[in-house]
Amino acid sequence: MKLPTFTVVSEMIIYIRYLKDGVSKTDFISILPLPGGKADTITETLGTFLTEDLGLQLEKMCALGSDGAKVMVGRQNGVAAQLRRRVPHLVNNHCVAHRLALAVGQAAKGVPYLQKFKDIIGTSPGPKLKLVEAKDVRWLSHDKATTTLRKCLPSIYTSLEREAEERNDARAAGLSVFTQDYRFVLAIHMICDVLPHLTALSCAMQKRDAVYVTIKPLVNGTISIIQGMKSQSADNYKEAPARGTQLIDDGFRIKSPSEEQLTAFHEKIYLPFLDNLLQNLEDRFPDLPLLEKFGAFSVGSSEDDNHQDIQELARHFGVDMEQCRSNWHQVRASLEGLISQPTRP
């Protein structure tokens, strides 16, 4: 019997977001085959489709949204960089939720113990127990899972020991040793303090009607919270030593850490992780100042209040200031008209 051979097929999914009657619309447009996955090929395929098949003018394209693959967002020759050479005002929107997940993963990579923590937690010791690996782009999806893991440590330890003894499972034995260590207890409590704030930020960014102008205060607010954790530990991490003592009292093999060991964890794992996370958040959102300028379209503020923002947007998009002011009034009128419409029963 001859079996068919399957190969990788490169395709590009295209959605377009636009304004119609003052309302933001997002439509699925097409799935385009790609002869190759290189930036040059993607740029040419996309440009040809938009201009020749759809009859659109690239000069009127305001922004490009994509994932964080280097072929898309590479600074020198990525798709966004190539398009920006043709459309200088183009805003490159690397998916904000994806950026946030990568920031967490990269922060963990900068701390050797947390890298091992991530690798170990991805092993499967047996058919009844599986600890799912926290991939760089999946850290935030593990918020509830890590909270459950923290709450169920006694059950996890018991299951691992049983798998190791009854099934002679070497992986379960290794996991049992690794997790019954004071550093693991401290780390899981630390992660449980950080992830909820980052998950909330990610969810806010993924709302259907998320507004550009809200991104900067949301990111800055999260940065402020994490910055505060450096000087004053959050609840879970603060109670971690007592939790370790309770686990020891329950008969598990955790050794009580000395003050020197607790200090070493704080200085070599806790603080570096928070510092790396803060730096990653700041590095991965460099376009916040421009996005904040779109607050000029907020209903309720006057042209005088937003004059500087309008001027900077006009300069960025290469639009005549008088034309921009006229368009600003039209858009504001449309938005105010939509808000003033009575709600249908």
Protein backbone atom coordinates (compact mmCIF):
# COMPACT_ATOMS: atom_id res chain seq x y z
CA MET A 1 0.00 0.00 0.00
CA LYS A 2 1.37 3.40 -0.98
CA LEU A 3 0.87 6.16 1.55
CA PRO A 4 0.69 9.85 0.55
CA THR A 5 3.55 12.11 1.55
CA PHE A 6 2.64 15.24 3.46
CA THR A 7 4.83 18.33 3.44
CA VAL A 8 4.67 21.66 5.21
CA VAL A 9 2.43 24.17 3.46
CA SER A 10 3.13 27.85 4.11
CA GLU A 11 0.05 30.06 4.15
CA MET A 12 -0.84 33.53 5.39
CA ILE A 13 -4.18 34.42 6.97
CA ILE A 14 -5.29 38.00 6.37
CA TYR A 15 -7.77 40.04 8.37
CA ILE A 16 -8.48 43.71 7.75
CA ARG A 17 -9.71 46.18 10.38
CA TYR A 18 -11.30 49.41 9.22
CA LEU A 19 -13.79 52.09 10.20
CA LYS A 20 -17.29 52.10 8.73
CA ASP A 21 -19.78 54.72 9.86
CA GLY A 22 -17.57 55.41 12.87
CA VAL A 23 -17.57 51.75 13.97
CA SER A 24 -14.50 49.51 13.95
CA LYS A 25 -14.98 46.44 11.76
CA THR A 26 -12.73 43.38 11.43
CA ASP A 27 -13.21 41.08 8.43
CA PHE A 28 -11.54 37.86 7.38
CA ILE A 29 -10.24 38.43 3.85
CA SER A 30 -8.30 35.44 2.61
CA ILE A 31 -5.78 32.67 3.15
CA LEU A 32 -2.90 33.17 0.76
CA PRO A 33 -0.45 30.42 -0.27
CA LEU A 34 3.18 31.37 0.18
CA PRO A 35 5.90 29.95 -2.10
CA GLY A 36 8.27 30.35 0.86
CA GLY A 37 8.37 31.63 4.40
CA LYS A 38 10.91 34.39 3.90
CA ALA A 39 10.18 38.05 4.64
CA ASP A 40 10.68 39.08 1.00
CA THR A 41 8.14 36.52 -0.19
CA ILE A 42 5.56 37.44 2.45
CA THR A 43 5.94 41.17 1.77
CA GLU A 44 5.58 40.72 -2.00
CA THR A 45 2.59 38.36 -1.68
CA LEU A 46 0.80 40.65 0.76
CA GLY A 47 1.52 43.82 -1.21
CA THR A 48 0.35 42.29 -4.49
CA PHE A 49 -2.84 40.95 -2.94
CA LEU A 50 -3.78 44.25 -1.32
CA THR A 51 -3.03 46.44 -4.33
CA GLU A 52 -3.92 44.25 -7.31
CA ASP A 53 -6.56 41.87 -5.98
CA LEU A 54 -8.32 44.25 -3.59
CA GLY A 55 -7.45 47.52 -5.31
CA LEU A 56 -6.29 49.15 -2.07
CA GLN A 57 -3.64 51.84 -1.77
CA LEU A 58 -0.81 50.78 0.53
CA GLU A 59 -0.23 54.45 1.40
CA LYS A 60 -3.56 54.44 3.24
CA MET A 61 -2.61 51.48 5.42
CA CYS A 62 -2.15 52.68 9.01
CA ALA A 63 -0.92 49.63 10.87
CA LEU A 64 0.19 46.02 10.55
CA GLY A 65 -0.64 43.45 13.21
CA SER A 66 1.27 40.18 13.47
CA ASP A 67 2.83 37.69 15.85
CA GLY A 68 6.40 38.11 17.03
CA ALA A 69 8.17 35.87 14.51
CA LYS A 70 11.46 37.42 13.40
CA VAL A 71 10.39 37.16 9.78
CA MET A 72 7.51 39.53 10.61
CA VAL A 73 9.03 41.99 13.10
CA GLY A 74 12.77 41.83 12.35
CA ARG A 75 14.14 45.37 12.62
CA GLN A 76 16.24 45.32 9.45
CA ASN A 77 14.42 43.16 6.93
CA GLY A 78 11.24 41.86 8.55
CA VAL A 79 7.90 42.23 6.77
CA ALA A 80 6.97 45.25 8.89
CA ALA A 81 10.34 46.92 8.20
CA GLN A 82 9.99 46.35 4.45
CA LEU A 83 6.43 47.69 4.40
CA ARG A 84 7.51 50.72 6.44
CA ARG A 85 10.01 51.60 3.73
CA ARG A 86 7.04 51.86 1.37
CA VAL A 87 4.65 53.31 3.98
CA PRO A 88 6.81 55.34 6.43
CA HIS A 89 3.94 56.08 8.84
CA LEU A 90 3.00 52.40 9.30
CA VAL A 91 2.53 51.39 12.95
CA ASN A 92 3.79 47.86 13.59
CA ASN A 93 1.53 46.13 16.09
CA HIS A 94 3.23 43.00 17.32
CA CYS A 95 0.32 41.27 19.12
CA VAL A 96 0.34 42.84 22.59
CA ALA A 97 -0.79 39.68 24.37
CA HIS A 98 1.94 37.69 22.61
CA ARG A 99 4.52 40.34 23.53
CA LEU A 100 3.46 40.11 27.15
CA ALA A 101 3.74 36.32 27.24
CA LEU A 102 7.22 36.49 25.71
CA ALA A 103 8.25 39.09 28.28
CA VAL A 104 7.44 36.65 31.09
CA GLY A 105 9.17 33.72 29.37
CA GLN A 106 12.31 35.73 28.62
CA ALA A 107 12.43 37.05 32.20
CA ALA A 108 12.46 33.46 33.47
CA LYS A 109 15.18 32.50 30.97
CA GLY A 110 17.49 35.06 32.53
CA VAL A 111 17.50 33.16 35.85
CA PRO A 112 19.18 29.70 35.72
CA TYR A 113 17.05 28.11 38.44
CA LEU A 114 13.81 29.28 36.84
CA GLN A 115 14.94 27.87 33.51
CA LYS A 116 15.38 24.49 35.17
CA PHE A 117 12.07 25.05 37.00
CA LYS A 118 10.36 25.51 33.63
CA ASP A 119 12.06 22.48 32.05
CA ILE A 120 11.40 20.13 34.96
CA ILE A 121 7.76 21.10 35.25
CA GLY A 122 7.24 19.95 31.65
CA THR A 123 8.04 16.29 32.26
CA SER A 124 5.40 13.60 32.57
CA PRO A 125 6.13 11.07 35.34
CA GLY A 126 3.29 8.69 34.56
CA PRO A 127 -0.12 8.09 33.00
CA LYS A 128 -2.03 9.73 35.86
CA LEU A 129 0.08 12.81 36.42
CA LYS A 130 1.28 15.41 33.96
CA LEU A 131 2.77 18.79 34.80
CA VAL A 132 2.42 20.91 31.67
CA GLU A 133 5.48 22.80 30.48
CA ALA A 134 5.26 26.58 30.55
CA LYS A 135 6.37 27.52 27.04
CA ASP A 136 7.47 31.12 26.51
CA VAL A 137 4.23 31.99 24.74
CA ARG A 138 2.08 30.04 27.22
CA TRP A 139 3.26 31.33 30.58
CA LEU A 140 0.16 33.44 31.10
CA SER A 141 -2.19 30.57 30.29
CA HIS A 142 -0.73 28.74 33.30
CA ASP A 143 -1.95 31.28 35.85
CA LYS A 144 -4.74 29.09 37.24
CA ALA A 145 -2.65 25.93 36.82
CA THR A 146 0.19 27.29 38.95
CA THR A 147 -2.28 28.45 41.57
CA THR A 148 -3.80 24.95 41.68
CA LEU A 149 -0.31 23.43 41.87
CA ARG A 150 0.57 25.69 44.80
CA LYS A 151 -2.60 24.71 46.67
CA CYS A 152 -2.20 21.00 45.96
CA LEU A 153 1.50 20.51 46.75
CA PRO A 154 0.82 17.76 49.35
CA SER A 155 -1.22 15.77 46.82
CA ILE A 156 1.43 16.32 44.14
CA TYR A 157 4.18 15.09 46.45
CA THR A 158 2.17 12.03 47.45
CA SER A 159 1.40 11.14 43.82
CA LEU A 160 5.00 11.57 42.74
CA GLU A 161 6.30 9.38 45.57
CA ARG A 162 3.71 6.69 44.80
CA GLU A 163 4.60 6.70 41.09
CA ALA A 164 8.28 6.46 41.97
CA GLU A 165 7.86 3.61 44.45
CA GLU A 166 5.06 1.52 42.91
CA ARG A 167 5.99 1.96 39.23
CA ASN A 168 9.71 2.45 39.75
CA ASP A 169 9.39 5.59 37.63
CA ALA A 170 12.72 7.41 37.54
CA ARG A 171 11.16 10.62 36.20
CA ALA A 172 8.67 10.73 39.04
CA ALA A 173 11.51 10.16 41.51
CA GLY A 174 13.46 13.05 39.98
CA LEU A 175 10.42 15.32 40.09
CA SER A 176 9.77 14.35 43.67
CA VAL A 177 13.28 15.42 44.67
CA PHE A 178 13.14 18.65 42.66
CA THR A 179 9.72 19.79 43.90
CA GLN A 180 10.41 18.88 47.53
CA ASP A 181 13.01 21.61 47.73
CA TYR A 182 12.55 24.93 49.47
CA ARG A 183 13.48 26.78 46.26
CA PHE A 184 10.60 25.16 44.38
CA VAL A 185 8.16 26.15 47.12
CA LEU A 186 9.43 29.73 47.07
CA ALA A 187 9.40 29.86 43.26
CA ILE A 188 5.85 28.58 42.83
CA HIS A 189 4.60 31.11 45.39
CA MET A 190 6.54 33.88 43.64
CA ILE A 191 5.05 32.96 40.25
CA CYS A 192 1.57 32.89 41.77
CA ASP A 193 2.03 36.51 42.87
CA VAL A 194 3.19 37.73 39.46
CA LEU A 195 1.07 35.85 36.92
CA PRO A 196 -2.40 37.11 37.98
CA HIS A 197 -1.43 40.74 37.29
CA LEU A 198 0.11 39.88 33.93
CA THR A 199 -2.84 37.68 32.99
CA ALA A 200 -5.27 40.49 33.82
CA LEU A 201 -3.22 42.84 31.64
CA SER A 202 -3.18 40.30 28.81
CA CYS A 203 -6.96 39.79 29.00
CA ALA A 204 -7.54 43.56 28.93
CA MET A 205 -5.41 43.82 25.79
CA GLN A 206 -7.31 41.01 24.06
CA LYS A 207 -10.74 42.54 24.43
CA ARG A 208 -12.59 42.88 21.14
CA ASP A 209 -12.92 46.65 21.55
CA ALA A 210 -9.59 47.31 23.27
CA VAL A 211 -8.61 50.96 22.90
CA TYR A 212 -5.07 52.02 22.03
CA VAL A 213 -5.06 54.86 24.53
CA THR A 214 -5.66 52.49 27.45
CA ILE A 215 -2.62 50.31 26.76
CA LYS A 216 -0.02 52.67 28.24
CA PRO A 217 -1.76 53.18 31.62
CA LEU A 218 -2.48 49.43 31.81
CA VAL A 219 1.15 48.51 31.14
CA ASN A 220 2.49 51.24 33.43
CA GLY A 221 0.10 50.19 36.18
CA THR A 222 1.31 46.60 35.97
CA ILE A 223 4.93 47.75 35.97
CA SER A 224 4.22 49.79 39.09
CA ILE A 225 2.71 46.76 40.86
CA ILE A 226 5.68 44.54 40.01
CA GLN A 227 8.10 47.29 40.97
CA GLY A 228 6.37 47.41 44.35
CA MET A 229 6.98 43.69 44.84
CA LYS A 230 10.72 44.38 44.96
CA SER A 231 10.43 46.45 48.12
CA GLN A 232 7.47 44.68 49.68
CA SER A 233 6.82 41.01 48.97
CA ALA A 234 3.31 40.06 47.89
CA ASP A 235 1.13 37.73 49.94
CA ASN A 236 2.01 34.33 48.47
CA TYR A 237 5.77 34.83 48.48
CA LYS A 238 5.59 36.30 51.97
CA GLU A 239 3.86 33.21 53.37
CA ALA A 240 6.02 30.70 51.43
CA PRO A 241 8.49 30.00 54.30
CA ALA A 242 5.58 29.19 56.64
CA ARG A 243 4.09 26.96 53.94
CA GLY A 244 7.40 25.11 53.72
CA THR A 245 7.42 24.59 57.47
CA GLN A 246 3.88 23.15 57.30
CA LEU A 247 4.92 20.73 54.56
CA ILE A 248 7.85 19.59 56.74
CA ASP A 249 5.46 19.07 59.66
CA ASP A 250 3.24 16.99 57.35
CA GLY A 251 6.15 14.57 56.86
CA PHE A 252 7.43 15.55 53.42
CA ARG A 253 11.15 15.59 52.70
CA ILE A 254 11.63 19.33 52.38
CA LYS A 255 14.54 20.67 54.43
CA SER A 256 13.98 23.89 56.29
CA PRO A 257 16.07 26.64 54.64
CA SER A 258 18.47 28.76 56.67
CA GLU A 259 18.25 32.53 56.73
CA GLU A 260 21.26 32.60 54.41
CA GLN A 261 19.49 30.35 51.90
CA LEU A 262 16.33 32.46 52.00
CA THR A 263 18.41 35.59 51.44
CA ALA A 264 20.26 33.93 48.56
CA PHE A 265 16.99 32.95 46.87
CA HIS A 266 15.67 36.49 47.26
CA GLU A 267 18.80 38.09 45.84
CA LYS A 268 19.68 35.57 43.12
CA ILE A 269 16.25 34.43 41.92
CA TYR A 270 13.40 36.63 43.16
CA LEU A 271 14.87 40.08 42.49
CA PRO A 272 16.60 39.15 39.19
CA PHE A 273 13.35 37.67 37.88
CA LEU A 274 11.41 40.83 38.73
CA ASP A 275 14.16 43.04 37.25
CA ASN A 276 14.22 40.98 34.05
CA LEU A 277 10.43 41.11 33.84
CA LEU A 278 10.33 44.87 34.29
CA GLN A 279 13.01 45.36 31.64
CA ASN A 280 11.20 43.06 29.22
CA LEU A 281 7.92 44.91 29.71
CA GLU A 282 9.59 48.23 28.97
CA ASP A 283 11.54 46.88 25.97
CA ARG A 284 8.58 45.14 24.36
CA PHE A 285 6.26 48.16 24.39
CA PRO A 286 8.35 50.93 22.79
CA ASP A 287 5.43 52.31 20.77
CA LEU A 288 3.30 53.30 23.77
CA PRO A 289 3.88 57.08 23.40
CA LEU A 290 2.49 57.07 19.84
CA LEU A 291 -0.49 54.90 20.74
CA GLU A 292 -1.29 57.25 23.62
CA LYS A 293 -1.76 60.11 21.13
CA PHE A 294 -4.94 58.44 19.87
CA GLY A 295 -6.53 59.69 23.07
CA ALA A 296 -7.19 62.83 21.01
CA PHE A 297 -10.29 61.05 19.73
CA SER A 298 -11.74 60.50 23.20
CA VAL A 299 -15.24 61.91 23.38
CA GLY A 300 -15.65 64.79 25.80
CA SER A 301 -12.33 66.59 25.33
CA SER A 302 -11.87 69.76 23.26
CA GLU A 303 -9.64 70.47 20.29
CA ASP A 304 -7.56 72.79 22.46
CA ASP A 305 -6.93 69.96 24.92
CA ASN A 306 -5.79 67.65 22.13
CA HIS A 307 -4.01 70.10 19.85
CA GLN A 308 -0.51 68.72 20.50
CA ASP A 309 -1.62 65.09 20.09
CA ILE A 310 -3.39 65.92 16.81
CA GLN A 311 -0.29 67.72 15.61
CA GLU A 312 1.97 64.75 16.40
CA LEU A 313 -0.40 62.27 14.73
CA ALA A 314 -0.54 64.51 11.66
CA ARG A 315 3.24 64.65 11.57
CA HIS A 316 3.61 60.88 11.98
CA PHE A 317 1.10 59.98 9.27
CA GLY A 318 2.27 62.73 6.91
CA VAL A 319 -1.11 64.47 6.84
CA ASP A 320 -1.64 68.21 6.43
CA MET A 321 -2.51 69.73 9.81
CA GLU A 322 -5.64 71.48 8.53
CA GLN A 323 -6.84 68.31 6.85
CA CYS A 324 -6.13 66.37 10.04
CA ARG A 325 -8.15 68.85 12.11
CA SER A 326 -11.05 68.53 9.67
CA ASN A 327 -10.91 64.74 9.83
CA TRP A 328 -10.65 64.92 13.61
CA HIS A 329 -13.91 66.88 13.80
CA GLN A 330 -15.64 64.40 11.48
CA VAL A 331 -14.53 61.35 13.45
CA ARG A 332 -15.43 62.99 16.77
CA ALA A 333 -18.87 63.90 15.45
CA SER A 334 -19.43 60.31 14.32
CA LEU A 335 -18.37 58.93 17.70
CA GLU A 336 -20.52 61.38 19.62
CA GLY A 337 -23.47 60.56 17.38
CA LEU A 338 -23.06 56.84 18.07
CA ILE A 339 -22.86 57.41 21.81
CA SER A 340 -25.94 59.62 21.84
CA GLN A 341 -28.08 57.05 19.98
CA PRO A 342 -30.78 55.53 22.22
CA THR A 343 -30.22 51.94 23.23
CA ARG A 344 -32.57 49.51 21.56
CA PRO A 345 -34.70 47.42 23.90
